[in-house]
Amino acid sequence: MTEKDNIDENLRKLLEKSDSSAPFRVPDNYFEAFPGQMDKIISQLPDFEKSPAVNPFSVPDGYFEQLPLQINEAILASDKKTRSWKEILIAALRPSISIPSVLTVSLAITAFFFFTKIHRIDVPAYSEISNEEFNSSTIALEVDESTLIQVLTDENIETSSIEDSYEEYLLDNNIDITQLEKKL
């Protein structure tokens, strides 16, 4: 027995066990009597081709001549009307306008304070703290790259200015560097 036959057999058994009758029934001779009934309904309809064409709608005299003038007057009247402060306030307090406005302003203020905040880190002098203390403290976590770059460039400026002052002293006193090397 194939799978399809097994399914058909199971379906047949289920239908035999069911006690429900067919829920939909067609009356006897329905399809034979239907064309006659439809012809009778159609014959009772009025013949629209033979009836006179009567337009039940009418337009007042001079309507289309006066319409542009009426439209123009309505536009001019709406332009002349000024809104009072009360109407403007009522319109501004509508939730569709007030909620997005408040959210936009609060977002702008928050962004301004967030992006313009200056972070200051007070680091003790190098001689006052050891490497172990620095590594174990939270200061190492709070220092960012820009701060380190700034500190290093400041140190380079200081050392270069010291070197420049040594060179100036040697030049001012006519001291040869080779003489210093020999004495060292």
N, C-alpha and C. Protein backbone atom coordinates (compact mmCIF):
# COMPACT_ATOMS: atom_id res chain seq x y z
N MET A 1 0.85 -1.17 0.00
CA MET A 1 0.00 0.00 0.00
C MET A 1 0.90 1.24 0.00
N THR A 2 0.63 2.19 -0.91
CA THR A 2 1.43 3.40 -0.99
C THR A 2 0.96 4.41 0.05
N GLU A 3 1.75 5.46 0.18
CA GLU A 3 1.42 6.48 1.17
C GLU A 3 0.11 7.19 0.82
N LYS A 4 -0.11 7.42 -0.48
CA LYS A 4 -1.34 8.09 -0.92
C LYS A 4 -2.56 7.22 -0.63
N ASP A 5 -2.43 5.95 -0.87
CA ASP A 5 -3.55 5.04 -0.57
C ASP A 5 -3.83 5.00 0.93
N ASN A 6 -2.76 5.04 1.73
CA ASN A 6 -2.89 5.03 3.19
C ASN A 6 -3.63 6.29 3.67
N ILE A 7 -3.29 7.43 3.07
CA ILE A 7 -3.96 8.68 3.43
C ILE A 7 -5.43 8.61 3.02
N ASP A 8 -5.71 8.13 1.80
CA ASP A 8 -7.09 8.00 1.34
C ASP A 8 -7.90 7.06 2.24
N GLU A 9 -7.28 5.99 2.68
CA GLU A 9 -7.96 5.03 3.55
C GLU A 9 -8.25 5.66 4.91
N ASN A 10 -7.27 6.40 5.45
CA ASN A 10 -7.49 7.08 6.73
C ASN A 10 -8.60 8.11 6.62
N LEU A 11 -8.64 8.85 5.52
CA LEU A 11 -9.69 9.84 5.30
C LEU A 11 -11.06 9.17 5.20
N ARG A 12 -11.13 8.06 4.51
CA ARG A 12 -12.39 7.33 4.36
C ARG A 12 -12.89 6.86 5.73
N LYS A 13 -11.98 6.37 6.57
CA LYS A 13 -12.37 5.90 7.91
C LYS A 13 -12.88 7.07 8.75
N LEU A 14 -12.21 8.21 8.65
CA LEU A 14 -12.66 9.38 9.40
C LEU A 14 -14.04 9.84 8.96
N LEU A 15 -14.29 9.83 7.66
CA LEU A 15 -15.60 10.25 7.15
C LEU A 15 -16.70 9.27 7.55
N GLU A 16 -16.38 8.02 7.63
CA GLU A 16 -17.39 7.02 8.04
C GLU A 16 -17.74 7.20 9.52
N LYS A 17 -16.74 7.58 10.33
CA LYS A 17 -16.97 7.75 11.76
C LYS A 17 -17.70 9.04 12.08
N SER A 18 -17.61 10.05 11.20
CA SER A 18 -18.24 11.33 11.50
C SER A 18 -19.74 11.21 11.39
N ASP A 19 -20.42 11.90 12.29
CA ASP A 19 -21.88 11.84 12.30
C ASP A 19 -22.51 13.11 11.74
N SER A 20 -21.69 14.04 11.24
CA SER A 20 -22.24 15.29 10.73
C SER A 20 -22.71 15.11 9.29
N SER A 21 -23.78 15.80 8.98
CA SER A 21 -24.28 15.76 7.60
C SER A 21 -23.68 16.94 6.85
N ALA A 22 -23.87 16.99 5.57
CA ALA A 22 -23.34 18.08 4.76
C ALA A 22 -23.98 19.39 5.22
N PRO A 23 -23.19 20.40 5.54
CA PRO A 23 -23.76 21.64 6.07
C PRO A 23 -24.44 22.50 5.00
N PHE A 24 -24.11 22.30 3.75
CA PHE A 24 -24.70 23.12 2.68
C PHE A 24 -25.44 22.21 1.72
N ARG A 25 -26.65 22.66 1.37
CA ARG A 25 -27.44 21.89 0.42
C ARG A 25 -28.01 22.83 -0.62
N VAL A 26 -28.13 22.34 -1.81
CA VAL A 26 -28.73 23.09 -2.91
C VAL A 26 -30.15 22.55 -3.08
N PRO A 27 -31.13 23.46 -3.20
CA PRO A 27 -32.51 22.98 -3.39
C PRO A 27 -32.63 22.13 -4.67
N ASP A 28 -33.60 21.25 -4.65
CA ASP A 28 -33.82 20.40 -5.83
C ASP A 28 -34.16 21.25 -7.04
N ASN A 29 -33.65 20.89 -8.21
CA ASN A 29 -33.85 21.56 -9.50
C ASN A 29 -33.42 23.03 -9.48
N TYR A 30 -32.47 23.38 -8.63
CA TYR A 30 -32.03 24.76 -8.53
C TYR A 30 -31.40 25.23 -9.83
N PHE A 31 -30.49 24.46 -10.37
CA PHE A 31 -29.77 24.88 -11.57
C PHE A 31 -30.65 24.85 -12.81
N GLU A 32 -31.68 24.02 -12.85
CA GLU A 32 -32.60 23.99 -13.99
C GLU A 32 -33.55 25.19 -13.96
N ALA A 33 -33.96 25.62 -12.75
CA ALA A 33 -34.93 26.70 -12.62
C ALA A 33 -34.27 28.08 -12.60
N PHE A 34 -32.99 28.17 -12.36
CA PHE A 34 -32.32 29.45 -12.21
C PHE A 34 -32.38 30.33 -13.44
N PRO A 35 -32.11 29.83 -14.65
CA PRO A 35 -32.18 30.73 -15.82
C PRO A 35 -33.55 31.36 -16.02
N GLY A 36 -34.62 30.64 -15.77
CA GLY A 36 -35.97 31.19 -15.91
C GLY A 36 -36.22 32.29 -14.90
N GLN A 37 -35.79 32.09 -13.67
CA GLN A 37 -35.98 33.10 -12.63
C GLN A 37 -35.19 34.38 -12.95
N MET A 38 -33.99 34.21 -13.50
CA MET A 38 -33.18 35.37 -13.84
C MET A 38 -33.80 36.14 -14.99
N ASP A 39 -34.37 35.45 -15.98
CA ASP A 39 -35.04 36.14 -17.10
C ASP A 39 -36.23 36.94 -16.60
N LYS A 40 -36.97 36.42 -15.64
CA LYS A 40 -38.14 37.11 -15.10
C LYS A 40 -37.70 38.40 -14.39
N ILE A 41 -36.60 38.35 -13.61
CA ILE A 41 -36.09 39.54 -12.91
C ILE A 41 -35.63 40.59 -13.90
N ILE A 42 -34.96 40.17 -14.96
CA ILE A 42 -34.46 41.11 -15.96
C ILE A 42 -35.61 41.75 -16.72
N SER A 43 -36.66 40.99 -17.00
CA SER A 43 -37.79 41.55 -17.76
C SER A 43 -38.56 42.58 -16.94
N GLN A 44 -38.48 42.54 -15.62
CA GLN A 44 -39.18 43.50 -14.77
C GLN A 44 -38.44 44.84 -14.64
N LEU A 45 -37.16 44.88 -15.04
CA LEU A 45 -36.39 46.13 -14.98
C LEU A 45 -36.90 47.10 -16.04
N PRO A 46 -36.88 48.41 -15.77
CA PRO A 46 -37.32 49.37 -16.78
C PRO A 46 -36.32 49.42 -17.94
N ASP A 47 -36.81 49.79 -19.09
CA ASP A 47 -35.94 49.88 -20.27
C ASP A 47 -35.34 51.29 -20.31
N PHE A 48 -34.06 51.37 -19.93
CA PHE A 48 -33.39 52.66 -19.85
C PHE A 48 -33.10 53.26 -21.23
N GLU A 49 -33.01 52.43 -22.24
CA GLU A 49 -32.73 52.94 -23.59
C GLU A 49 -33.93 53.68 -24.16
N LYS A 50 -35.14 53.28 -23.80
CA LYS A 50 -36.35 53.90 -24.35
C LYS A 50 -36.83 55.09 -23.50
N SER A 51 -36.32 55.22 -22.27
CA SER A 51 -36.78 56.31 -21.41
C SER A 51 -36.12 57.61 -21.86
N PRO A 52 -36.82 58.75 -21.71
CA PRO A 52 -36.25 60.03 -22.14
C PRO A 52 -35.09 60.43 -21.21
N ALA A 53 -34.07 61.09 -21.77
CA ALA A 53 -32.91 61.54 -21.00
C ALA A 53 -33.27 62.85 -20.30
N VAL A 54 -33.41 62.81 -19.00
CA VAL A 54 -33.76 63.98 -18.21
C VAL A 54 -32.64 64.22 -17.21
N ASN A 55 -32.15 65.44 -17.19
CA ASN A 55 -31.11 65.80 -16.24
C ASN A 55 -31.77 66.37 -14.99
N PRO A 56 -31.68 65.68 -13.86
CA PRO A 56 -32.35 66.18 -12.65
C PRO A 56 -31.58 67.32 -11.96
N PHE A 57 -30.38 67.61 -12.42
CA PHE A 57 -29.54 68.63 -11.77
C PHE A 57 -29.60 69.93 -12.56
N SER A 58 -29.47 71.03 -11.81
CA SER A 58 -29.46 72.33 -12.48
C SER A 58 -28.45 73.24 -11.78
N VAL A 59 -28.00 74.24 -12.51
CA VAL A 59 -27.03 75.21 -12.01
C VAL A 59 -27.72 76.57 -12.01
N PRO A 60 -27.54 77.34 -10.93
CA PRO A 60 -28.17 78.66 -10.91
C PRO A 60 -27.65 79.53 -12.06
N ASP A 61 -28.48 80.46 -12.47
CA ASP A 61 -28.10 81.35 -13.58
C ASP A 61 -26.89 82.19 -13.17
N GLY A 62 -25.90 82.29 -14.06
CA GLY A 62 -24.72 83.11 -13.85
C GLY A 62 -23.74 82.52 -12.84
N TYR A 63 -23.87 81.26 -12.50
CA TYR A 63 -23.03 80.64 -11.48
C TYR A 63 -21.55 80.67 -11.89
N PHE A 64 -21.26 80.23 -13.09
CA PHE A 64 -19.87 80.15 -13.53
C PHE A 64 -19.26 81.52 -13.79
N GLU A 65 -20.07 82.51 -14.08
CA GLU A 65 -19.54 83.86 -14.25
C GLU A 65 -19.18 84.48 -12.89
N GLN A 66 -19.92 84.15 -11.84
CA GLN A 66 -19.70 84.73 -10.52
C GLN A 66 -18.70 83.93 -9.68
N LEU A 67 -18.43 82.69 -10.04
CA LEU A 67 -17.56 81.82 -9.25
C LEU A 67 -16.15 82.39 -9.06
N PRO A 68 -15.45 82.86 -10.12
CA PRO A 68 -14.11 83.41 -9.89
C PRO A 68 -14.10 84.62 -8.95
N LEU A 69 -15.13 85.45 -9.04
CA LEU A 69 -15.21 86.61 -8.14
C LEU A 69 -15.41 86.17 -6.68
N GLN A 70 -16.25 85.19 -6.46
CA GLN A 70 -16.49 84.70 -5.11
C GLN A 70 -15.23 84.07 -4.52
N ILE A 71 -14.48 83.32 -5.33
CA ILE A 71 -13.24 82.69 -4.86
C ILE A 71 -12.22 83.76 -4.50
N ASN A 72 -12.09 84.77 -5.36
CA ASN A 72 -11.15 85.86 -5.11
C ASN A 72 -11.51 86.62 -3.83
N GLU A 73 -12.79 86.90 -3.62
CA GLU A 73 -13.22 87.59 -2.41
C GLU A 73 -12.93 86.76 -1.16
N ALA A 74 -13.11 85.46 -1.24
CA ALA A 74 -12.83 84.59 -0.09
C ALA A 74 -11.34 84.59 0.24
N ILE A 75 -10.49 84.58 -0.78
CA ILE A 75 -9.04 84.61 -0.56
C ILE A 75 -8.63 85.93 0.07
N LEU A 76 -9.14 87.04 -0.44
CA LEU A 76 -8.81 88.35 0.13
C LEU A 76 -9.30 88.48 1.57
N ALA A 77 -10.46 87.92 1.88
CA ALA A 77 -11.00 88.00 3.23
C ALA A 77 -10.13 87.18 4.19
N SER A 78 -9.62 86.03 3.74
CA SER A 78 -8.78 85.21 4.62
C SER A 78 -7.41 85.85 4.83
N ASP A 79 -6.91 86.60 3.83
CA ASP A 79 -5.63 87.30 3.98
C ASP A 79 -5.73 88.44 4.98
N LYS A 80 -6.86 89.14 5.00
CA LYS A 80 -7.05 90.29 5.88
C LYS A 80 -7.19 89.88 7.34
N LYS A 81 -7.65 88.67 7.58
CA LYS A 81 -7.89 88.21 8.94
C LYS A 81 -6.55 87.98 9.63
N THR A 82 -6.34 88.64 10.75
CA THR A 82 -5.12 88.44 11.53
C THR A 82 -5.43 87.56 12.71
N ARG A 83 -4.43 86.82 13.12
CA ARG A 83 -4.63 85.91 14.23
C ARG A 83 -4.28 86.63 15.53
N SER A 84 -5.08 86.39 16.53
CA SER A 84 -4.81 86.99 17.84
C SER A 84 -3.78 86.14 18.57
N TRP A 85 -3.21 86.72 19.64
CA TRP A 85 -2.23 85.98 20.43
C TRP A 85 -2.85 84.74 21.06
N LYS A 86 -4.11 84.84 21.38
CA LYS A 86 -4.80 83.70 21.99
C LYS A 86 -4.88 82.54 21.00
N GLU A 87 -5.21 82.82 19.75
CA GLU A 87 -5.28 81.77 18.73
C GLU A 87 -3.92 81.14 18.48
N ILE A 88 -2.88 82.00 18.46
CA ILE A 88 -1.52 81.49 18.23
C ILE A 88 -1.08 80.61 19.40
N LEU A 89 -1.39 81.04 20.63
CA LEU A 89 -1.03 80.25 21.81
C LEU A 89 -1.77 78.91 21.83
N ILE A 90 -3.04 78.94 21.51
CA ILE A 90 -3.81 77.69 21.47
C ILE A 90 -3.24 76.75 20.41
N ALA A 91 -2.86 77.29 19.25
CA ALA A 91 -2.28 76.46 18.20
C ALA A 91 -0.93 75.90 18.63
N ALA A 92 -0.13 76.69 19.34
CA ALA A 92 1.20 76.24 19.78
C ALA A 92 1.12 75.20 20.88
N LEU A 93 0.05 75.23 21.67
CA LEU A 93 -0.09 74.28 22.78
C LEU A 93 -0.69 72.94 22.36
N ARG A 94 -1.02 72.82 21.10
CA ARG A 94 -1.51 71.53 20.63
C ARG A 94 -0.39 70.50 20.79
N PRO A 95 -0.71 69.28 21.21
CA PRO A 95 0.34 68.26 21.42
C PRO A 95 1.15 67.97 20.16
N SER A 96 0.55 68.08 19.00
CA SER A 96 1.29 67.77 17.77
C SER A 96 2.39 68.79 17.50
N ILE A 97 2.31 69.96 18.10
CA ILE A 97 3.34 70.98 17.94
C ILE A 97 4.19 71.10 19.20
N SER A 98 3.58 71.10 20.36
CA SER A 98 4.31 71.37 21.60
C SER A 98 5.25 70.23 21.99
N ILE A 99 4.84 68.99 21.85
CA ILE A 99 5.69 67.87 22.27
C ILE A 99 6.97 67.81 21.44
N PRO A 100 6.91 67.82 20.10
CA PRO A 100 8.18 67.81 19.35
C PRO A 100 9.04 69.05 19.62
N SER A 101 8.42 70.19 19.85
CA SER A 101 9.19 71.41 20.13
C SER A 101 9.94 71.29 21.45
N VAL A 102 9.28 70.82 22.47
CA VAL A 102 9.93 70.66 23.78
C VAL A 102 11.04 69.63 23.70
N LEU A 103 10.80 68.53 23.02
CA LEU A 103 11.84 67.50 22.88
C LEU A 103 13.05 68.01 22.12
N THR A 104 12.83 68.79 21.08
CA THR A 104 13.94 69.32 20.29
C THR A 104 14.77 70.30 21.10
N VAL A 105 14.12 71.17 21.84
CA VAL A 105 14.85 72.15 22.66
C VAL A 105 15.63 71.44 23.76
N SER A 106 15.01 70.48 24.43
CA SER A 106 15.71 69.77 25.51
C SER A 106 16.88 68.97 24.97
N LEU A 107 16.74 68.37 23.79
CA LEU A 107 17.84 67.64 23.17
C LEU A 107 18.98 68.58 22.81
N ALA A 108 18.66 69.76 22.30
CA ALA A 108 19.70 70.73 21.94
C ALA A 108 20.45 71.21 23.18
N ILE A 109 19.74 71.48 24.26
CA ILE A 109 20.39 71.94 25.50
C ILE A 109 21.28 70.83 26.07
N THR A 110 20.77 69.62 26.11
CA THR A 110 21.55 68.49 26.61
C THR A 110 22.81 68.28 25.77
N ALA A 111 22.67 68.33 24.46
CA ALA A 111 23.82 68.14 23.59
C ALA A 111 24.84 69.26 23.79
N PHE A 112 24.37 70.49 23.96
CA PHE A 112 25.29 71.61 24.18
C PHE A 112 26.12 71.39 25.44
N PHE A 113 25.47 71.06 26.56
CA PHE A 113 26.20 70.87 27.80
C PHE A 113 27.08 69.62 27.76
N PHE A 114 26.63 68.60 27.06
CA PHE A 114 27.43 67.37 26.98
C PHE A 114 28.71 67.60 26.18
N PHE A 115 28.60 68.27 25.05
CA PHE A 115 29.75 68.43 24.17
C PHE A 115 30.67 69.59 24.57
N THR A 116 30.20 70.48 25.39
CA THR A 116 31.06 71.59 25.80
C THR A 116 31.63 71.40 27.21
N LYS A 117 31.36 70.28 27.84
CA LYS A 117 31.86 70.02 29.18
C LYS A 117 33.37 69.81 29.13
N ILE A 118 34.09 70.49 30.03
CA ILE A 118 35.55 70.38 30.10
C ILE A 118 35.88 69.41 31.23
N HIS A 119 36.63 68.40 30.90
CA HIS A 119 37.05 67.42 31.90
C HIS A 119 38.42 67.82 32.44
N ARG A 120 38.49 68.01 33.73
CA ARG A 120 39.76 68.37 34.37
C ARG A 120 40.20 67.21 35.24
N ILE A 121 41.47 66.88 35.09
CA ILE A 121 42.05 65.82 35.90
C ILE A 121 43.26 66.41 36.59
N ASP A 122 43.22 66.42 37.89
CA ASP A 122 44.34 66.93 38.66
C ASP A 122 45.28 65.77 38.95
N VAL A 123 46.44 65.80 38.34
CA VAL A 123 47.44 64.76 38.52
C VAL A 123 48.55 65.33 39.38
N PRO A 124 48.93 64.62 40.46
CA PRO A 124 50.03 65.12 41.28
C PRO A 124 51.33 65.09 40.50
N ALA A 125 52.31 65.84 40.97
CA ALA A 125 53.60 65.89 40.29
C ALA A 125 54.22 64.50 40.24
N TYR A 126 55.08 64.30 39.25
CA TYR A 126 55.66 62.98 39.02
C TYR A 126 56.46 62.50 40.21
N SER A 127 57.11 63.41 40.88
CA SER A 127 57.94 63.01 42.02
C SER A 127 57.09 62.60 43.22
N GLU A 128 55.83 62.97 43.23
CA GLU A 128 54.99 62.69 44.38
C GLU A 128 54.30 61.33 44.30
N ILE A 129 54.32 60.67 43.16
CA ILE A 129 53.60 59.41 43.00
C ILE A 129 54.51 58.39 42.31
N SER A 130 54.42 57.15 42.76
CA SER A 130 55.25 56.10 42.16
C SER A 130 54.48 55.45 41.02
N ASN A 131 55.19 54.66 40.22
CA ASN A 131 54.54 53.98 39.10
C ASN A 131 53.48 53.00 39.59
N GLU A 132 53.74 52.30 40.69
CA GLU A 132 52.76 51.34 41.21
C GLU A 132 51.50 52.05 41.66
N GLU A 133 51.68 53.19 42.34
CA GLU A 133 50.52 53.95 42.78
C GLU A 133 49.72 54.49 41.59
N PHE A 134 50.43 54.94 40.57
CA PHE A 134 49.74 55.47 39.38
C PHE A 134 48.96 54.37 38.67
N ASN A 135 49.57 53.20 38.53
CA ASN A 135 48.90 52.09 37.83
C ASN A 135 47.71 51.56 38.62
N SER A 136 47.78 51.60 39.94
CA SER A 136 46.68 51.08 40.75
C SER A 136 45.57 52.12 40.95
N SER A 137 45.82 53.37 40.65
CA SER A 137 44.81 54.40 40.86
C SER A 137 43.86 54.49 39.67
N THR A 138 42.80 55.23 39.87
CA THR A 138 41.82 55.44 38.79
C THR A 138 42.24 56.54 37.84
N ILE A 139 43.31 57.23 38.17
CA ILE A 139 43.77 58.31 37.30
C ILE A 139 44.15 57.76 35.94
N ALA A 140 44.79 56.60 35.93
CA ALA A 140 45.21 56.00 34.65
C ALA A 140 44.02 55.70 33.76
N LEU A 141 42.88 55.39 34.35
CA LEU A 141 41.68 55.09 33.56
C LEU A 141 41.01 56.34 33.01
N GLU A 142 41.18 57.47 33.71
CA GLU A 142 40.51 58.70 33.31
C GLU A 142 41.29 59.52 32.29
N VAL A 143 42.55 59.21 32.11
CA VAL A 143 43.38 59.99 31.19
C VAL A 143 43.13 59.50 29.77
N ASP A 144 42.85 60.41 28.88
CA ASP A 144 42.65 60.04 27.48
C ASP A 144 43.87 60.45 26.66
N GLU A 145 43.85 60.05 25.40
CA GLU A 145 45.00 60.28 24.52
C GLU A 145 45.33 61.76 24.35
N SER A 146 44.32 62.58 24.22
CA SER A 146 44.59 64.00 24.00
C SER A 146 45.31 64.62 25.19
N THR A 147 44.97 64.19 26.41
CA THR A 147 45.65 64.71 27.60
C THR A 147 47.11 64.28 27.61
N LEU A 148 47.35 63.01 27.28
CA LEU A 148 48.73 62.52 27.24
C LEU A 148 49.55 63.26 26.19
N ILE A 149 48.99 63.47 25.05
CA ILE A 149 49.69 64.19 23.98
C ILE A 149 50.03 65.61 24.43
N GLN A 150 49.08 66.26 25.10
CA GLN A 150 49.31 67.62 25.57
C GLN A 150 50.44 67.66 26.60
N VAL A 151 50.45 66.70 27.53
CA VAL A 151 51.50 66.66 28.56
C VAL A 151 52.85 66.41 27.93
N LEU A 152 52.91 65.47 26.98
CA LEU A 152 54.18 65.17 26.33
C LEU A 152 54.71 66.34 25.51
N THR A 153 53.82 67.02 24.82
CA THR A 153 54.28 68.18 24.04
C THR A 153 54.74 69.29 24.96
N ASP A 154 54.09 69.48 26.12
CA ASP A 154 54.54 70.48 27.08
C ASP A 154 55.93 70.13 27.62
N GLU A 155 56.17 68.84 27.90
CA GLU A 155 57.49 68.42 28.39
C GLU A 155 58.56 68.63 27.33
N ASN A 156 58.22 68.34 26.08
CA ASN A 156 59.18 68.53 24.99
C ASN A 156 59.53 70.00 24.82
N ILE A 157 58.56 70.85 24.99
CA ILE A 157 58.81 72.29 24.89
C ILE A 157 59.76 72.73 26.00
N GLU A 158 59.55 72.23 27.22
CA GLU A 158 60.40 72.61 28.35
C GLU A 158 61.83 72.12 28.15
N THR A 159 62.00 70.86 27.71
CA THR A 159 63.36 70.32 27.52
C THR A 159 64.06 71.00 26.36
N SER A 160 63.29 71.31 25.32
CA SER A 160 63.93 71.98 24.19
C SER A 160 64.35 73.40 24.57
N SER A 161 63.57 74.05 25.43
CA SER A 161 63.96 75.40 25.85
C SER A 161 65.20 75.35 26.74
N ILE A 162 65.36 74.30 27.54
CA ILE A 162 66.56 74.14 28.36
C ILE A 162 67.77 73.90 27.48
N GLU A 163 67.61 73.05 26.48
CA GLU A 163 68.71 72.78 25.55
C GLU A 163 69.10 74.05 24.80
N ASP A 164 68.10 74.83 24.42
CA ASP A 164 68.39 76.10 23.73
C ASP A 164 69.17 77.06 24.64
N SER A 165 68.83 77.07 25.90
CA SER A 165 69.55 77.97 26.81
C SER A 165 71.01 77.51 26.98
N TYR A 166 71.29 76.18 27.00
CA TYR A 166 72.67 75.69 27.06
C TYR A 166 73.45 76.10 25.83
N GLU A 167 72.82 75.96 24.68
CA GLU A 167 73.49 76.33 23.44
C GLU A 167 73.82 77.83 23.42
N GLU A 168 72.90 78.63 23.89
CA GLU A 168 73.14 80.08 23.94
C GLU A 168 74.31 80.42 24.87
N TYR A 169 74.39 79.72 26.00
CA TYR A 169 75.48 79.96 26.95
C TYR A 169 76.82 79.62 26.32
N LEU A 170 76.86 78.46 25.62
CA LEU A 170 78.11 78.04 24.99
C LEU A 170 78.53 79.03 23.90
N LEU A 171 77.57 79.50 23.14
CA LEU A 171 77.88 80.44 22.06
C LEU A 171 78.30 81.81 22.62
N ASP A 172 77.63 82.23 23.67
CA ASP A 172 77.96 83.53 24.25
C ASP A 172 79.37 83.55 24.87
N ASN A 173 79.80 82.45 25.41
CA ASN A 173 81.10 82.39 26.08
C ASN A 173 82.21 81.79 25.21
N ASN A 174 81.92 81.56 23.95
CA ASN A 174 82.90 81.00 23.00
C ASN A 174 83.53 79.70 23.52
N ILE A 175 82.72 78.81 24.00
CA ILE A 175 83.20 77.53 24.50
C ILE A 175 82.97 76.50 23.42
N ASP A 176 84.00 75.72 23.11
CA ASP A 176 83.93 74.69 22.09
C ASP A 176 83.41 73.40 22.74
N ILE A 177 82.53 72.72 22.06
CA ILE A 177 81.94 71.51 22.60
C ILE A 177 82.99 70.41 22.72
N THR A 178 83.95 70.38 21.85
CA THR A 178 84.99 69.36 21.91
C THR A 178 85.81 69.52 23.19
N GLN A 179 86.01 70.74 23.64
CA GLN A 179 86.74 70.97 24.90
C GLN A 179 85.97 70.37 26.08
N LEU A 180 84.67 70.51 26.04
CA LEU A 180 83.84 69.92 27.11
C LEU A 180 83.91 68.42 27.09
N GLU A 181 83.93 67.87 25.90
CA GLU A 181 84.00 66.41 25.78
C GLU A 181 85.31 65.87 26.33
N LYS A 182 86.39 66.56 26.10
CA LYS A 182 87.69 66.13 26.60
C LYS A 182 87.74 66.18 28.13
N LYS A 183 87.10 67.20 28.70
CA LYS A 183 87.12 67.32 30.16
C LYS A 183 86.21 66.29 30.81
N LEU A 184 85.24 65.85 30.11
CA LEU A 184 84.32 64.85 30.69
C LEU A 184 84.96 63.50 30.55
